[in-house]
Amino acid sequence: MGKKIGSERISREDGYLYFVGKDGYVWRVPMKHNKRGSKKRIGSEKISKERGFLYYVGSDGFVYKAKMKNA
């Protein structure tokens, strides 16, 4: 589905949502049921983003990109 672009593996924890922010770094934010967590930047690899692609952290911990259909 997506193409693997990140070389750094992100270790995931339960109760957090992981995403690639506007600055190109991976961030984690607590889900609604996680009351004790806080927003934090994870990892040190910066991803250069392109227009028309969706960036996400896969279940294996690497960053992927996928072409958006109507972008």
PDB file of N, CA and C in Angstrom:
ATOM      1  N   MET A   1       0.828  -1.196   0.000  1.00  0.00           N
ATOM      2  CA  MET A   1       0.000   0.000   0.000  1.00  0.00           C
ATOM      3  C   MET A   1       0.866   1.251   0.000  1.00  0.00           C
ATOM      4  N   GLY A   2       1.739   1.392   1.003  1.00  0.00           N
ATOM      5  CA  GLY A   2       2.609   2.552   1.069  1.00  0.00           C
ATOM      6  C   GLY A   2       4.052   2.164   0.806  1.00  0.00           C
ATOM      7  N   LYS A   3       4.879   3.179   0.617  1.00  0.00           N
ATOM      8  CA  LYS A   3       6.299   2.966   0.376  1.00  0.00           C
ATOM      9  C   LYS A   3       7.070   3.355   1.635  1.00  0.00           C
ATOM     10  N   LYS A   4       7.931   2.476   2.096  1.00  0.00           N
ATOM     11  CA  LYS A   4       8.712   2.734   3.306  1.00  0.00           C
ATOM     12  C   LYS A   4       9.770   3.785   3.003  1.00  0.00           C
ATOM     13  N   ILE A   5       9.780   4.881   3.774  1.00  0.00           N
ATOM     14  CA  ILE A   5      10.746   5.940   3.532  1.00  0.00           C
ATOM     15  C   ILE A   5      11.633   6.207   4.743  1.00  0.00           C
ATOM     16  N   GLY A   6      11.206   5.802   5.920  1.00  0.00           N
ATOM     17  CA  GLY A   6      11.997   6.048   7.110  1.00  0.00           C
ATOM     18  C   GLY A   6      12.957   4.913   7.400  1.00  0.00           C
ATOM     19  N   SER A   7      14.129   5.247   7.944  1.00  0.00           N
ATOM     20  CA  SER A   7      15.092   4.215   8.297  1.00  0.00           C
ATOM     21  C   SER A   7      15.152   3.992   9.808  1.00  0.00           C
ATOM     22  N   GLU A   8      14.522   4.887  10.565  1.00  0.00           N
ATOM     23  CA  GLU A   8      14.519   4.773  12.020  1.00  0.00           C
ATOM     24  C   GLU A   8      13.253   4.053  12.477  1.00  0.00           C
ATOM     25  N   ARG A   9      13.414   3.074  13.364  1.00  0.00           N
ATOM     26  CA  ARG A   9      12.265   2.325  13.882  1.00  0.00           C
ATOM     27  C   ARG A   9      11.750   2.992  15.148  1.00  0.00           C
ATOM     28  N   ILE A  10      10.447   3.249  15.188  1.00  0.00           N
ATOM     29  CA  ILE A  10       9.794   3.887  16.327  1.00  0.00           C
ATOM     30  C   ILE A  10       9.192   2.797  17.204  1.00  0.00           C
ATOM     31  N   SER A  11       9.552   2.781  18.480  1.00  0.00           N
ATOM     32  CA  SER A  11       8.943   1.803  19.397  1.00  0.00           C
ATOM     33  C   SER A  11       7.628   2.379  19.888  1.00  0.00           C
ATOM     34  N   ARG A  12       6.556   1.648  19.665  1.00  0.00           N
ATOM     35  CA  ARG A  12       5.210   2.134  19.984  1.00  0.00           C
ATOM     36  C   ARG A  12       4.753   1.644  21.345  1.00  0.00           C
ATOM     37  N   GLU A  13       3.983   2.473  22.033  1.00  0.00           N
ATOM     38  CA  GLU A  13       3.392   2.130  23.328  1.00  0.00           C
ATOM     39  C   GLU A  13       1.878   2.181  23.204  1.00  0.00           C
ATOM     40  N   ASP A  14       1.200   1.391  24.015  1.00  0.00           N
ATOM     41  CA  ASP A  14      -0.254   1.410  24.019  1.00  0.00           C
ATOM     42  C   ASP A  14      -0.755   2.731  24.594  1.00  0.00           C
ATOM     43  N   GLY A  15      -1.889   3.202  24.083  1.00  0.00           N
ATOM     44  CA  GLY A  15      -2.507   4.413  24.596  1.00  0.00           C
ATOM     45  C   GLY A  15      -2.043   5.690  23.921  1.00  0.00           C
ATOM     46  N   TYR A  16      -1.231   5.587  22.864  1.00  0.00           N
ATOM     47  CA  TYR A  16      -0.736   6.762  22.164  1.00  0.00           C
ATOM     48  C   TYR A  16      -1.027   6.674  20.670  1.00  0.00           C
ATOM     49  N   LEU A  17      -1.197   7.833  20.044  1.00  0.00           N
ATOM     50  CA  LEU A  17      -1.382   7.957  18.606  1.00  0.00           C
ATOM     51  C   LEU A  17      -0.093   8.537  18.036  1.00  0.00           C
ATOM     52  N   TYR A  18       0.435   7.933  16.972  1.00  0.00           N
ATOM     53  CA  TYR A  18       1.688   8.359  16.364  1.00  0.00           C
ATOM     54  C   TYR A  18       1.414   8.940  14.985  1.00  0.00           C
ATOM     55  N   PHE A  19       2.067  10.091  14.665  1.00  0.00           N
ATOM     56  CA  PHE A  19       1.877  10.729  13.372  1.00  0.00           C
ATOM     57  C   PHE A  19       3.115  11.526  12.993  1.00  0.00           C
ATOM     58  N   VAL A  20       3.222  11.863  11.710  1.00  0.00           N
ATOM     59  CA  VAL A  20       4.305  12.711  11.217  1.00  0.00           C
ATOM     60  C   VAL A  20       3.758  14.136  11.175  1.00  0.00           C
ATOM     61  N   GLY A  21       4.362  15.023  11.938  1.00  0.00           N
ATOM     62  CA  GLY A  21       3.892  16.397  12.054  1.00  0.00           C
ATOM     63  C   GLY A  21       4.303  17.270  10.877  1.00  0.00           C
ATOM     64  N   LYS A  22       3.865  18.532  10.910  1.00  0.00           N
ATOM     65  CA  LYS A  22       4.199  19.484   9.862  1.00  0.00           C
ATOM     66  C   LYS A  22       5.693  19.755   9.784  1.00  0.00           C
ATOM     67  N   ASP A  23       6.390  19.612  10.917  1.00  0.00           N
ATOM     68  CA  ASP A  23       7.827  19.851  10.953  1.00  0.00           C
ATOM     69  C   ASP A  23       8.642  18.683  10.410  1.00  0.00           C
ATOM     70  N   GLY A  24       8.010  17.533  10.130  1.00  0.00           N
ATOM     71  CA  GLY A  24       8.695  16.385   9.550  1.00  0.00           C
ATOM     72  C   GLY A  24       9.150  15.351  10.560  1.00  0.00           C
ATOM     73  N   TYR A  25       8.923  15.580  11.826  1.00  0.00           N
ATOM     74  CA  TYR A  25       9.308  14.624  12.864  1.00  0.00           C
ATOM     75  C   TYR A  25       8.100  13.804  13.301  1.00  0.00           C
ATOM     76  N   VAL A  26       8.364  12.641  13.887  1.00  0.00           N
ATOM     77  CA  VAL A  26       7.294  11.782  14.390  1.00  0.00           C
ATOM     78  C   VAL A  26       6.919  12.263  15.790  1.00  0.00           C
ATOM     79  N   TRP A  27       5.621  12.415  16.026  1.00  0.00           N
ATOM     80  CA  TRP A  27       5.087  12.854  17.310  1.00  0.00           C
ATOM     81  C   TRP A  27       4.180  11.776  17.873  1.00  0.00           C
ATOM     82  N   ARG A  28       4.025  11.783  19.200  1.00  0.00           N
ATOM     83  CA  ARG A  28       3.047  10.911  19.842  1.00  0.00           C
ATOM     84  C   ARG A  28       2.173  11.770  20.744  1.00  0.00           C
ATOM     85  N   VAL A  29       0.884  11.502  20.714  1.00  0.00           N
ATOM     86  CA  VAL A  29      -0.080  12.193  21.567  1.00  0.00           C
ATOM     87  C   VAL A  29      -0.932  11.143  22.261  1.00  0.00           C
ATOM     88  N   PRO A  30      -1.343  11.413  23.492  1.00  0.00           N
ATOM     89  CA  PRO A  30      -2.162  10.425  24.197  1.00  0.00           C
ATOM     90  C   PRO A  30      -3.563  10.351  23.603  1.00  0.00           C
ATOM     91  N   MET A  31      -4.114   9.126  23.575  1.00  0.00           N
ATOM     92  CA  MET A  31      -5.503   8.952  23.158  1.00  0.00           C
ATOM     93  C   MET A  31      -6.417   9.440  24.276  1.00  0.00           C
ATOM     94  N   LYS A  32      -7.682   9.561  23.983  1.00  0.00           N
ATOM     95  CA  LYS A  32      -8.630  10.132  24.938  1.00  0.00           C
ATOM     96  C   LYS A  32      -8.684   9.351  26.249  1.00  0.00           C
ATOM     97  N   HIS A  33      -8.537   8.036  26.200  1.00  0.00           N
ATOM     98  CA  HIS A  33      -8.626   7.228  27.418  1.00  0.00           C
ATOM     99  C   HIS A  33      -7.323   7.217  28.220  1.00  0.00           C
ATOM    100  N   ASN A  34      -6.240   7.770  27.654  1.00  0.00           N
ATOM    101  CA  ASN A  34      -4.959   7.842  28.351  1.00  0.00           C
ATOM    102  C   ASN A  34      -4.864   9.204  29.037  1.00  0.00           C
ATOM    103  N   LYS A  35      -5.139   9.264  30.331  1.00  0.00           N
ATOM    104  CA  LYS A  35      -5.205  10.535  31.059  1.00  0.00           C
ATOM    105  C   LYS A  35      -3.844  11.053  31.496  1.00  0.00           C
ATOM    106  N   ARG A  36      -2.845  10.171  31.626  1.00  0.00           N
ATOM    107  CA  ARG A  36      -1.565  10.592  32.182  1.00  0.00           C
ATOM    108  C   ARG A  36      -0.519  10.960  31.133  1.00  0.00           C
ATOM    109  N   GLY A  37      -0.765  10.748  29.877  1.00  0.00           N
ATOM    110  CA  GLY A  37       0.241  10.984  28.846  1.00  0.00           C
ATOM    111  C   GLY A  37       0.355  12.448  28.451  1.00  0.00           C
ATOM    112  N   SER A  38       1.416  12.771  27.715  1.00  0.00           N
ATOM    113  CA  SER A  38       1.603  14.123  27.209  1.00  0.00           C
ATOM    114  C   SER A  38       2.155  14.052  25.785  1.00  0.00           C
ATOM    115  N   LYS A  39       2.010  15.149  25.041  1.00  0.00           N
ATOM    116  CA  LYS A  39       2.493  15.225  23.668  1.00  0.00           C
ATOM    117  C   LYS A  39       4.023  15.294  23.689  1.00  0.00           C
ATOM    118  N   LYS A  40       4.665  14.533  22.793  1.00  0.00           N
ATOM    119  CA  LYS A  40       6.117  14.470  22.798  1.00  0.00           C
ATOM    120  C   LYS A  40       6.637  14.123  21.410  1.00  0.00           C
ATOM    121  N   ARG A  41       7.774  14.729  21.034  1.00  0.00           N
ATOM    122  CA  ARG A  41       8.420  14.385  19.772  1.00  0.00           C
ATOM    123  C   ARG A  41       9.231  13.111  19.963  1.00  0.00           C
ATOM    124  N   ILE A  42       9.078  12.167  19.047  1.00  0.00           N
ATOM    125  CA  ILE A  42       9.735  10.864  19.131  1.00  0.00           C
ATOM    126  C   ILE A  42      10.704  10.738  17.956  1.00  0.00           C
ATOM    127  N   GLY A  43      11.859  10.196  18.195  1.00  0.00           N
ATOM    128  CA  GLY A  43      12.816   9.950  17.123  1.00  0.00           C
ATOM    129  C   GLY A  43      13.589  11.199  16.726  1.00  0.00           C
ATOM    130  N   SER A  44      14.617  10.998  15.920  1.00  0.00           N
ATOM    131  CA  SER A  44      15.472  12.106  15.515  1.00  0.00           C
ATOM    132  C   SER A  44      15.544  12.273  13.996  1.00  0.00           C
ATOM    133  N   GLU A  45      14.875  11.401  13.260  1.00  0.00           N
ATOM    134  CA  GLU A  45      14.921  11.475  11.800  1.00  0.00           C
ATOM    135  C   GLU A  45      13.869  12.441  11.280  1.00  0.00           C
ATOM    136  N   LYS A  46      14.292  13.392  10.445  1.00  0.00           N
ATOM    137  CA  LYS A  46      13.363  14.351   9.845  1.00  0.00           C
ATOM    138  C   LYS A  46      12.957  13.856   8.467  1.00  0.00           C
ATOM    139  N   ILE A  47      11.653  13.815   8.210  1.00  0.00           N
ATOM    140  CA  ILE A  47      11.096  13.353   6.940  1.00  0.00           C
ATOM    141  C   ILE A  47      10.795  14.574   6.080  1.00  0.00           C
ATOM    142  N   SER A  48      11.310  14.595   4.853  1.00  0.00           N
ATOM    143  CA  SER A  48      10.966  15.684   3.932  1.00  0.00           C
ATOM    144  C   SER A  48       9.657  15.301   3.237  1.00  0.00           C
ATOM    145  N   LYS A  49       8.641  16.115   3.451  1.00  0.00           N
ATOM    146  CA  LYS A  49       7.307  15.794   2.959  1.00  0.00           C
ATOM    147  C   LYS A  49       7.067  16.391   1.574  1.00  0.00           C
ATOM    148  N   GLU A  50       6.292  15.665   0.768  1.00  0.00           N
ATOM    149  CA  GLU A  50       5.908  16.111  -0.564  1.00  0.00           C
ATOM    150  C   GLU A  50       4.407  16.335  -0.593  1.00  0.00           C
ATOM    151  N   ARG A  51       3.985  17.250  -1.426  1.00  0.00           N
ATOM    152  CA  ARG A  51       2.570  17.537  -1.578  1.00  0.00           C
ATOM    153  C   ARG A  51       1.876  16.365  -2.281  1.00  0.00           C
ATOM    154  N   GLY A  52       0.686  15.983  -1.789  1.00  0.00           N
ATOM    155  CA  GLY A  52      -0.089  14.923  -2.421  1.00  0.00           C
ATOM    156  C   GLY A  52       0.149  13.543  -1.837  1.00  0.00           C
ATOM    157  N   PHE A  53       0.906  13.455  -0.747  1.00  0.00           N
ATOM    158  CA  PHE A  53       1.185  12.178  -0.108  1.00  0.00           C
ATOM    159  C   PHE A  53       0.732  12.201   1.341  1.00  0.00           C
ATOM    160  N   LEU A  54       0.318  11.044   1.836  1.00  0.00           N
ATOM    161  CA  LEU A  54      -0.057  10.852   3.229  1.00  0.00           C
ATOM    162  C   LEU A  54       1.091  10.130   3.920  1.00  0.00           C
ATOM    163  N   TYR A  55       1.533  10.647   5.057  1.00  0.00           N
ATOM    164  CA  TYR A  55       2.641  10.056   5.808  1.00  0.00           C
ATOM    165  C   TYR A  55       2.109   9.465   7.097  1.00  0.00           C
ATOM    166  N   TYR A  56       2.560   8.250   7.425  1.00  0.00           N
ATOM    167  CA  TYR A  56       2.068   7.582   8.625  1.00  0.00           C
ATOM    168  C   TYR A  56       3.127   6.633   9.168  1.00  0.00           C
ATOM    169  N   VAL A  57       2.952   6.269  10.446  1.00  0.00           N
ATOM    170  CA  VAL A  57       3.829   5.297  11.096  1.00  0.00           C
ATOM    171  C   VAL A  57       3.121   3.954  11.034  1.00  0.00           C
ATOM    172  N   GLY A  58       3.745   2.975  10.390  1.00  0.00           N
ATOM    173  CA  GLY A  58       3.158   1.659  10.216  1.00  0.00           C
ATOM    174  C   GLY A  58       3.200   0.845  11.496  1.00  0.00           C
ATOM    175  N   SER A  59       2.569  -0.307  11.472  1.00  0.00           N
ATOM    176  CA  SER A  59       2.518  -1.172  12.655  1.00  0.00           C
ATOM    177  C   SER A  59       3.884  -1.743  13.011  1.00  0.00           C
ATOM    178  N   ASP A  60       4.817  -1.756  12.050  1.00  0.00           N
ATOM    179  CA  ASP A  60       6.172  -2.241  12.333  1.00  0.00           C
ATOM    180  C   ASP A  60       7.084  -1.149  12.880  1.00  0.00           C
ATOM    181  N   GLY A  61       6.610   0.109  12.939  1.00  0.00           N
ATOM    182  CA  GLY A  61       7.374   1.198  13.534  1.00  0.00           C
ATOM    183  C   GLY A  61       8.117   2.084  12.555  1.00  0.00           C
ATOM    184  N   PHE A  62       8.037   1.818  11.256  1.00  0.00           N
ATOM    185  CA  PHE A  62       8.715   2.637  10.265  1.00  0.00           C
ATOM    186  C   PHE A  62       7.732   3.631   9.636  1.00  0.00           C
ATOM    187  N   VAL A  63       8.260   4.724   9.074  1.00  0.00           N
ATOM    188  CA  VAL A  63       7.433   5.747   8.435  1.00  0.00           C
ATOM    189  C   VAL A  63       7.198   5.349   6.980  1.00  0.00           C
ATOM    190  N   TYR A  64       5.959   5.475   6.541  1.00  0.00           N
ATOM    191  CA  TYR A  64       5.554   5.162   5.171  1.00  0.00           C
ATOM    192  C   TYR A  64       4.880   6.367   4.541  1.00  0.00           C
ATOM    193  N   LYS A  65       4.850   6.368   3.201  1.00  0.00           N
ATOM    194  CA  LYS A  65       4.074   7.386   2.488  1.00  0.00           C
ATOM    195  C   LYS A  65       3.216   6.700   1.441  1.00  0.00           C
ATOM    196  N   ALA A  66       2.029   7.263   1.235  1.00  0.00           N
ATOM    197  CA  ALA A  66       1.094   6.730   0.250  1.00  0.00           C
ATOM    198  C   ALA A  66       0.501   7.893  -0.543  1.00  0.00           C
ATOM    199  N   LYS A  67       0.340   7.700  -1.825  1.00  0.00           N
ATOM    200  CA  LYS A  67      -0.237   8.737  -2.684  1.00  0.00           C
ATOM    201  C   LYS A  67      -1.707   8.890  -2.372  1.00  0.00           C
ATOM    202  N   MET A  68      -2.139  10.141  -2.186  1.00  0.00           N
ATOM    203  CA  MET A  68      -3.560  10.396  -1.943  1.00  0.00           C
ATOM    204  C   MET A  68      -4.285  10.406  -3.288  1.00  0.00           C
ATOM    205  N   LYS A  69      -5.508   9.905  -3.268  1.00  0.00           N
ATOM    206  CA  LYS A  69      -6.253   9.690  -4.505  1.00  0.00           C
ATOM    207  C   LYS A  69      -6.612  11.002  -5.212  1.00  0.00           C
ATOM    208  N   ASN A  70      -7.120  11.986  -4.491  1.00  0.00           N
ATOM    209  CA  ASN A  70      -7.612  13.214  -5.120  1.00  0.00           C
ATOM    210  C   ASN A  70      -6.776  14.427  -4.771  1.00  0.00           C
ATOM    211  N   ALA A  71      -5.479  14.283  -4.645  1.00  0.00           N
ATOM    212  CA  ALA A  71      -4.630  15.419  -4.279  1.00  0.00           C
ATOM    213  C   ALA A  71      -3.954  16.011  -5.495  1.00  0.00           C
TER     214      ALA A  71
END
